[in-house]
C-alpha atoms as a PDB file:
ATOM      1  CA  MET A   1       2.149  20.698   4.528  1.00  0.00           C
ATOM      2  CA  MET A   2       0.081  21.519   1.394  1.00  0.00           C
ATOM      3  CA  THR A   3      -3.108  23.771   1.072  1.00  0.00           C
ATOM      4  CA  ALA A   4      -5.794  23.030  -1.166  1.00  0.00           C
ATOM      5  CA  SER A   5      -8.136  25.242  -2.790  1.00  0.00           C
ATOM      6  CA  ARG A   6     -11.898  25.281  -1.853  1.00  0.00           C
ATOM      7  CA  ALA A   7     -12.831  23.693  -5.140  1.00  0.00           C
ATOM      8  CA  SER A   8     -10.077  21.083  -4.739  1.00  0.00           C
ATOM      9  CA  ALA A   9     -11.464  20.290  -1.092  1.00  0.00           C
ATOM     10  CA  ALA A  10     -14.961  20.101  -2.516  1.00  0.00           C
ATOM     11  CA  THR A  11     -13.996  17.772  -5.205  1.00  0.00           C
ATOM     12  CA  LEU A  12     -11.774  15.547  -3.019  1.00  0.00           C
ATOM     13  CA  GLY A  13     -14.760  15.369  -0.622  1.00  0.00           C
ATOM     14  CA  ALA A  14     -17.111  14.274  -3.167  1.00  0.00           C
ATOM     15  CA  TYR A  15     -14.838  11.863  -4.333  1.00  0.00           C
ATOM     16  CA  THR A  16     -14.335  10.448  -0.905  1.00  0.00           C
ATOM     17  CA  VAL A  17     -17.955  10.125  -0.442  1.00  0.00           C
ATOM     18  CA  ALA A  18     -18.661   8.343  -3.841  1.00  0.00           C
ATOM     19  CA  ALA A  19     -15.771   6.005  -3.442  1.00  0.00           C
ATOM     20  CA  GLY A  20     -17.563   4.546  -0.380  1.00  0.00           C
ATOM     21  CA  PRO A  21     -16.253   3.270   2.762  1.00  0.00           C
ATOM     22  CA  ALA A  22     -12.683   2.074   3.090  1.00  0.00           C
ATOM     23  CA  ALA A  23     -12.091  -1.615   2.287  1.00  0.00           C
ATOM     24  CA  GLU A  24     -11.979  -4.156   5.248  1.00  0.00           C
ATOM     25  CA  ARG A  25      -8.685  -5.553   5.711  1.00  0.00           C
ATOM     26  CA  SER A  26      -9.584  -9.013   4.043  1.00  0.00           C
ATOM     27  CA  ASP A  27     -10.695  -6.757   0.965  1.00  0.00           C
ATOM     28  CA  HIS A  28      -7.068  -5.686   0.387  1.00  0.00           C
ATOM     29  CA  VAL A  29      -5.299  -6.909  -2.733  1.00  0.00           C
ATOM     30  CA  PHE A  30      -1.714  -6.307  -1.285  1.00  0.00           C
ATOM     31  CA  TYR A  31      -1.153  -6.457   2.378  1.00  0.00           C
ATOM     32  CA  THR A  32       1.887  -6.731   4.757  1.00  0.00           C
ATOM     33  CA  ARG A  33       2.575  -9.576   7.405  1.00  0.00           C
ATOM     34  CA  GLY A  34       1.886  -7.132  10.285  1.00  0.00           C
ATOM     35  CA  PRO A  35       0.965  -3.213  11.055  1.00  0.00           C
ATOM     36  CA  GLY A  36       4.106  -1.342  10.159  1.00  0.00           C
ATOM     37  CA  ARG A  37       6.042  -3.738   8.295  1.00  0.00           C
ATOM     38  CA  PRO A  38       6.911  -2.874   4.671  1.00  0.00           C
ATOM     39  CA  ILE A  39       5.602  -5.035   1.938  1.00  0.00           C
ATOM     40  CA  ASN A  40       7.953  -7.253  -0.309  1.00  0.00           C
ATOM     41  CA  GLN A  41       8.212  -6.199  -3.746  1.00  0.00           C
ATOM     42  CA  ALA A  42       8.524  -9.721  -4.868  1.00  0.00           C
ATOM     43  CA  THR A  43       5.270 -10.657  -3.090  1.00  0.00           C
ATOM     44  CA  VAL A  44       3.284  -7.666  -4.867  1.00  0.00           C
ATOM     45  CA  TYR A  45       4.770  -8.728  -8.238  1.00  0.00           C
ATOM     46  CA  MET A  46       3.906 -12.522  -7.906  1.00  0.00           C
ATOM     47  CA  ARG A  47       0.314 -11.814  -6.535  1.00  0.00           C
ATOM     48  CA  PHE A  48      -0.136  -9.310  -9.506  1.00  0.00           C
ATOM     49  CA  ARG A  49       1.070 -12.004 -11.907  1.00  0.00           C
ATOM     50  CA  GLY A  50      -1.352 -14.353 -10.534  1.00  0.00           C
ATOM     51  CA  TYR A  51      -4.451 -11.801 -10.866  1.00  0.00           C
ATOM     52  CA  LEU A  52      -3.349 -11.325 -14.316  1.00  0.00           C
ATOM     53  CA  ALA A  53      -3.497 -15.062 -14.996  1.00  0.00           C
ATOM     54  CA  ASP A  54      -6.907 -15.383 -13.130  1.00  0.00           C
ATOM     55  CA  ALA A  55      -8.368 -12.643 -15.275  1.00  0.00           C
ATOM     56  CA  GLY A  56      -6.904 -14.047 -18.390  1.00  0.00           C
ATOM     57  CA  ILE A  57      -4.523 -11.077 -19.034  1.00  0.00           C
ATOM     58  CA  PRO A  58      -1.366 -11.945 -20.671  1.00  0.00           C
ATOM     59  CA  HIS A  59       1.919 -10.841 -19.192  1.00  0.00           C
ATOM     60  CA  PHE A  60       4.709  -9.942 -21.446  1.00  0.00           C
ATOM     61  CA  ALA A  61       8.104  -8.036 -21.055  1.00  0.00           C
ATOM     62  CA  GLY A  62       6.753  -4.776 -21.332  1.00  0.00           C
ATOM     63  CA  GLY A  63       3.847  -5.057 -18.975  1.00  0.00           C
ATOM     64  CA  PRO A  64       1.340  -5.019 -17.529  1.00  0.00           C
ATOM     65  CA  HIS A  65       3.056  -4.243 -14.094  1.00  0.00           C
ATOM     66  CA  PRO A  66       1.803  -3.267 -10.668  1.00  0.00           C
ATOM     67  CA  HIS A  67       2.654   0.370 -11.532  1.00  0.00           C
ATOM     68  CA  SER A  68       0.255   0.112 -14.415  1.00  0.00           C
ATOM     69  CA  LEU A  69      -2.478   0.214 -11.988  1.00  0.00           C
ATOM     70  CA  ARG A  70      -1.377   3.729 -10.891  1.00  0.00           C
ATOM     71  CA  HIS A  71      -1.432   5.027 -14.352  1.00  0.00           C
ATOM     72  CA  GLY A  72      -4.773   3.335 -15.206  1.00  0.00           C
ATOM     73  CA  PHE A  73      -6.380   4.964 -12.257  1.00  0.00           C
ATOM     74  CA  ALA A  74      -5.098   8.350 -12.982  1.00  0.00           C
ATOM     75  CA  VAL A  75      -6.411   8.193 -16.571  1.00  0.00           C
ATOM     76  CA  ALA A  76      -9.711   7.065 -15.495  1.00  0.00           C
ATOM     77  CA  SER A  77     -10.111   9.450 -12.645  1.00  0.00           C
END
């Protein structure tokens, strides 16, 4: 377990409010076949490639990859 400072807890609380309610299951971009089942890595990769194509974003050997989403979110947050 990790403790957070009051300032960190307040910031997280404000972020949660600003982010809005959690997405409905139908809004999930990557989902599993059922509760408790792991997602297939190949499925994530193929869906991501499809989303790139739909958005007109070229895919190349160096990226973008699903992990790029994490970096993009971290930089924008």
